[in-house]
Amino acid sequence: MADDLAPHGAAPDDTAAAAAADEPGNRGGLRIADSVIARVVEAAALAVDGVAGPEKKAFGRRLPRSQATVAGKHARINLEIATLWPRSAADVAIAVRDRVREQVSTLLDLTADSVGVDVLRVVRPPEPAKARAR
């Protein structure tokens, strides 16, 4: 009866192999561009209270700035940030590390095996705009 289901001229084993190749997990792969990983990591860092936004430059670089090495479903991430005074740089770095791990897992389906966070600069928060008298 299984012979009746095989395409004309194909052996039943060929049909099973063709069906297995058609399974969703066997159709191909997806490679996430490094620039996408960098955007997700940097956006995650900016969402943490105490991280200075990209309008501040430190050592001629825009911060935050990241680099990731990906192997399969695992990533090693290095991130450089600037923090706002008077926040604790260590506390901000820990919060950034945790947020980056969570976002990389949720949005990219990658496991961040390590997330290194370097605080390159501590900056003053922007001063509030003064009201003008009319």
C-alpha atoms as a PDB file:
ATOM      1  CA  MET A   1       0.000   0.000   0.000  1.00  0.00           C
ATOM      2  CA  ALA A   2       2.920   2.367   0.754  1.00  0.00           C
ATOM      3  CA  ASP A   3       4.112   1.668  -2.801  1.00  0.00           C
ATOM      4  CA  ASP A   4       0.904   3.261  -4.071  1.00  0.00           C
ATOM      5  CA  LEU A   5       1.832   6.602  -2.432  1.00  0.00           C
ATOM      6  CA  ALA A   6       5.316   6.883  -3.980  1.00  0.00           C
ATOM      7  CA  PRO A   7       5.680   9.161  -7.026  1.00  0.00           C
ATOM      8  CA  HIS A   8       5.849   7.331 -10.322  1.00  0.00           C
ATOM      9  CA  GLY A   9       9.239   5.651 -10.656  1.00  0.00           C
ATOM     10  CA  ALA A  10      10.373   6.479  -7.082  1.00  0.00           C
ATOM     11  CA  ALA A  11      11.082   3.886  -4.436  1.00  0.00           C
ATOM     12  CA  PRO A  12       9.215   4.233  -1.132  1.00  0.00           C
ATOM     13  CA  ASP A  13      12.491   5.138   0.662  1.00  0.00           C
ATOM     14  CA  ASP A  14      12.996   8.095  -1.722  1.00  0.00           C
ATOM     15  CA  THR A  15       9.589   9.480  -0.737  1.00  0.00           C
ATOM     16  CA  ALA A  16      10.478   9.327   2.971  1.00  0.00           C
ATOM     17  CA  ALA A  17      13.776  11.143   2.335  1.00  0.00           C
ATOM     18  CA  ALA A  18      12.009  13.843   0.307  1.00  0.00           C
ATOM     19  CA  ALA A  19       9.395  14.309   3.045  1.00  0.00           C
ATOM     20  CA  ALA A  20      12.120  14.629   5.700  1.00  0.00           C
ATOM     21  CA  ALA A  21      13.907  17.296   3.633  1.00  0.00           C
ATOM     22  CA  ASP A  22      10.637  19.248   3.464  1.00  0.00           C
ATOM     23  CA  GLU A  23      10.322  19.493   7.267  1.00  0.00           C
ATOM     24  CA  PRO A  24      10.588  23.086   8.538  1.00  0.00           C
ATOM     25  CA  GLY A  25      13.771  22.406  10.513  1.00  0.00           C
ATOM     26  CA  ASN A  26      15.547  21.072   7.437  1.00  0.00           C
ATOM     27  CA  ARG A  27      14.716  23.849   4.968  1.00  0.00           C
ATOM     28  CA  GLY A  28      17.596  26.202   5.667  1.00  0.00           C
ATOM     29  CA  GLY A  29      18.940  28.590   8.220  1.00  0.00           C
ATOM     30  CA  LEU A  30      18.788  32.178   9.325  1.00  0.00           C
ATOM     31  CA  ARG A  31      21.834  34.314   9.917  1.00  0.00           C
ATOM     32  CA  ILE A  32      21.283  37.481  11.911  1.00  0.00           C
ATOM     33  CA  ALA A  33      23.477  40.317  10.651  1.00  0.00           C
ATOM     34  CA  ASP A  34      26.052  41.710  13.054  1.00  0.00           C
ATOM     35  CA  SER A  35      24.525  45.174  12.631  1.00  0.00           C
ATOM     36  CA  VAL A  36      21.150  43.846  13.843  1.00  0.00           C
ATOM     37  CA  ILE A  37      22.764  42.316  16.928  1.00  0.00           C
ATOM     38  CA  ALA A  38      24.561  45.603  17.615  1.00  0.00           C
ATOM     39  CA  ARG A  39      21.311  47.602  17.339  1.00  0.00           C
ATOM     40  CA  VAL A  40      19.469  45.273  19.732  1.00  0.00           C
ATOM     41  CA  VAL A  41      22.333  45.333  22.252  1.00  0.00           C
ATOM     42  CA  GLU A  42      22.729  49.115  22.119  1.00  0.00           C
ATOM     43  CA  ALA A  43      18.970  49.747  22.363  1.00  0.00           C
ATOM     44  CA  ALA A  44      18.807  47.428  25.380  1.00  0.00           C
ATOM     45  CA  ALA A  45      21.616  49.381  27.049  1.00  0.00           C
ATOM     46  CA  LEU A  46      19.941  52.735  26.375  1.00  0.00           C
ATOM     47  CA  ALA A  47      16.741  51.467  28.028  1.00  0.00           C
ATOM     48  CA  VAL A  48      18.560  51.178  31.363  1.00  0.00           C
ATOM     49  CA  ASP A  49      18.225  54.131  33.729  1.00  0.00           C
ATOM     50  CA  GLY A  50      21.628  55.732  34.202  1.00  0.00           C
ATOM     51  CA  VAL A  51      23.046  55.083  30.726  1.00  0.00           C
ATOM     52  CA  ALA A  52      23.983  58.253  28.850  1.00  0.00           C
ATOM     53  CA  GLY A  53      22.378  58.605  25.445  1.00  0.00           C
ATOM     54  CA  PRO A  54      24.195  58.625  22.115  1.00  0.00           C
ATOM     55  CA  GLU A  55      24.358  62.421  21.970  1.00  0.00           C
ATOM     56  CA  LYS A  56      27.323  62.306  24.366  1.00  0.00           C
ATOM     57  CA  LYS A  57      30.696  61.351  22.876  1.00  0.00           C
ATOM     58  CA  ALA A  58      33.528  59.767  24.798  1.00  0.00           C
ATOM     59  CA  PHE A  59      37.002  59.534  23.278  1.00  0.00           C
ATOM     60  CA  GLY A  60      35.622  60.398  19.842  1.00  0.00           C
ATOM     61  CA  ARG A  61      33.207  57.433  19.823  1.00  0.00           C
ATOM     62  CA  ARG A  62      29.461  57.367  19.998  1.00  0.00           C
ATOM     63  CA  LEU A  63      28.300  55.389  22.992  1.00  0.00           C
ATOM     64  CA  PRO A  64      26.884  52.870  23.566  1.00  0.00           C
ATOM     65  CA  ARG A  65      28.945  50.779  21.192  1.00  0.00           C
ATOM     66  CA  SER A  66      28.956  46.994  20.952  1.00  0.00           C
ATOM     67  CA  GLN A  67      30.664  44.042  19.349  1.00  0.00           C
ATOM     68  CA  ALA A  68      29.353  40.463  19.264  1.00  0.00           C
ATOM     69  CA  THR A  69      30.837  37.125  18.309  1.00  0.00           C
ATOM     70  CA  VAL A  70      28.198  34.552  17.403  1.00  0.00           C
ATOM     71  CA  ALA A  71      28.617  30.796  17.054  1.00  0.00           C
ATOM     72  CA  GLY A  72      25.404  28.936  16.361  1.00  0.00           C
ATOM     73  CA  LYS A  73      22.880  30.042  18.979  1.00  0.00           C
ATOM     74  CA  HIS A  74      25.492  31.435  21.390  1.00  0.00           C
ATOM     75  CA  ALA A  75      26.909  34.953  21.566  1.00  0.00           C
ATOM     76  CA  ARG A  76      29.727  36.726  23.371  1.00  0.00           C
ATOM     77  CA  ILE A  77      29.034  40.425  23.654  1.00  0.00           C
ATOM     78  CA  ASN A  78      31.262  43.360  24.573  1.00  0.00           C
ATOM     79  CA  LEU A  79      29.621  46.711  25.211  1.00  0.00           C
ATOM     80  CA  GLU A  80      31.016  50.164  25.940  1.00  0.00           C
ATOM     81  CA  ILE A  81      28.775  52.704  27.663  1.00  0.00           C
ATOM     82  CA  ALA A  82      28.776  56.097  29.360  1.00  0.00           C
ATOM     83  CA  THR A  83      26.905  56.487  32.635  1.00  0.00           C
ATOM     84  CA  LEU A  84      25.197  59.490  34.164  1.00  0.00           C
ATOM     85  CA  TRP A  85      26.534  61.156  37.301  1.00  0.00           C
ATOM     86  CA  PRO A  86      25.825  60.444  40.226  1.00  0.00           C
ATOM     87  CA  ARG A  87      24.718  56.867  39.477  1.00  0.00           C
ATOM     88  CA  SER A  88      26.945  53.997  40.548  1.00  0.00           C
ATOM     89  CA  ALA A  89      28.823  52.821  37.443  1.00  0.00           C
ATOM     90  CA  ALA A  90      28.927  49.258  38.808  1.00  0.00           C
ATOM     91  CA  ASP A  91      25.158  49.147  39.424  1.00  0.00           C
ATOM     92  CA  VAL A  92      24.417  50.553  35.970  1.00  0.00           C
ATOM     93  CA  ALA A  93      26.788  48.046  34.337  1.00  0.00           C
ATOM     94  CA  ILE A  94      25.076  45.134  36.127  1.00  0.00           C
ATOM     95  CA  ALA A  95      21.634  46.371  35.056  1.00  0.00           C
ATOM     96  CA  VAL A  96      22.863  46.762  31.458  1.00  0.00           C
ATOM     97  CA  ARG A  97      24.324  43.251  31.428  1.00  0.00           C
ATOM     98  CA  ASP A  98      21.051  41.747  32.673  1.00  0.00           C
ATOM     99  CA  ARG A  99      18.928  43.761  30.219  1.00  0.00           C
ATOM    100  CA  VAL A 100      21.162  42.861  27.255  1.00  0.00           C
ATOM    101  CA  ARG A 101      21.014  39.143  28.112  1.00  0.00           C
ATOM    102  CA  GLU A 102      17.223  39.249  28.344  1.00  0.00           C
ATOM    103  CA  GLN A 103      16.733  41.203  25.098  1.00  0.00           C
ATOM    104  CA  VAL A 104      19.194  39.090  23.085  1.00  0.00           C
ATOM    105  CA  SER A 105      17.370  35.966  24.230  1.00  0.00           C
ATOM    106  CA  THR A 106      13.870  37.351  23.635  1.00  0.00           C
ATOM    107  CA  LEU A 107      14.397  39.200  20.362  1.00  0.00           C
ATOM    108  CA  LEU A 108      17.171  37.231  18.671  1.00  0.00           C
ATOM    109  CA  ASP A 109      16.749  33.745  20.178  1.00  0.00           C
ATOM    110  CA  LEU A 110      20.430  33.713  21.111  1.00  0.00           C
ATOM    111  CA  THR A 111      22.037  32.771  24.403  1.00  0.00           C
ATOM    112  CA  ALA A 112      24.454  35.436  25.603  1.00  0.00           C
ATOM    113  CA  ASP A 113      27.176  33.321  27.200  1.00  0.00           C
ATOM    114  CA  SER A 114      29.032  36.447  28.284  1.00  0.00           C
ATOM    115  CA  VAL A 115      28.224  40.143  28.290  1.00  0.00           C
ATOM    116  CA  GLY A 116      31.145  42.406  29.097  1.00  0.00           C
ATOM    117  CA  VAL A 117      30.228  45.996  29.959  1.00  0.00           C
ATOM    118  CA  ASP A 118      32.932  48.669  30.055  1.00  0.00           C
ATOM    119  CA  VAL A 119      32.087  52.108  31.446  1.00  0.00           C
ATOM    120  CA  LEU A 120      34.271  54.478  29.438  1.00  0.00           C
ATOM    121  CA  ARG A 121      32.954  57.733  30.788  1.00  0.00           C
ATOM    122  CA  VAL A 122      30.765  59.282  33.465  1.00  0.00           C
ATOM    123  CA  VAL A 123      28.877  62.347  32.231  1.00  0.00           C
ATOM    124  CA  ARG A 124      26.680  64.954  33.843  1.00  0.00           C
ATOM    125  CA  PRO A 125      22.994  64.648  33.056  1.00  0.00           C
ATOM    126  CA  PRO A 126      21.698  67.210  30.583  1.00  0.00           C
ATOM    127  CA  GLU A 127      20.489  70.391  32.252  1.00  0.00           C
ATOM    128  CA  PRO A 128      16.774  71.064  31.993  1.00  0.00           C
ATOM    129  CA  ALA A 129      15.829  73.768  29.539  1.00  0.00           C
ATOM    130  CA  LYS A 130      15.188  77.131  31.183  1.00  0.00           C
ATOM    131  CA  ALA A 131      11.850  78.776  30.625  1.00  0.00           C
ATOM    132  CA  ARG A 132      11.989  82.016  28.659  1.00  0.00           C
ATOM    133  CA  ALA A 133      10.293  85.150  29.922  1.00  0.00           C
ATOM    134  CA  ARG A 134       8.079  86.877  27.354  1.00  0.00           C
END
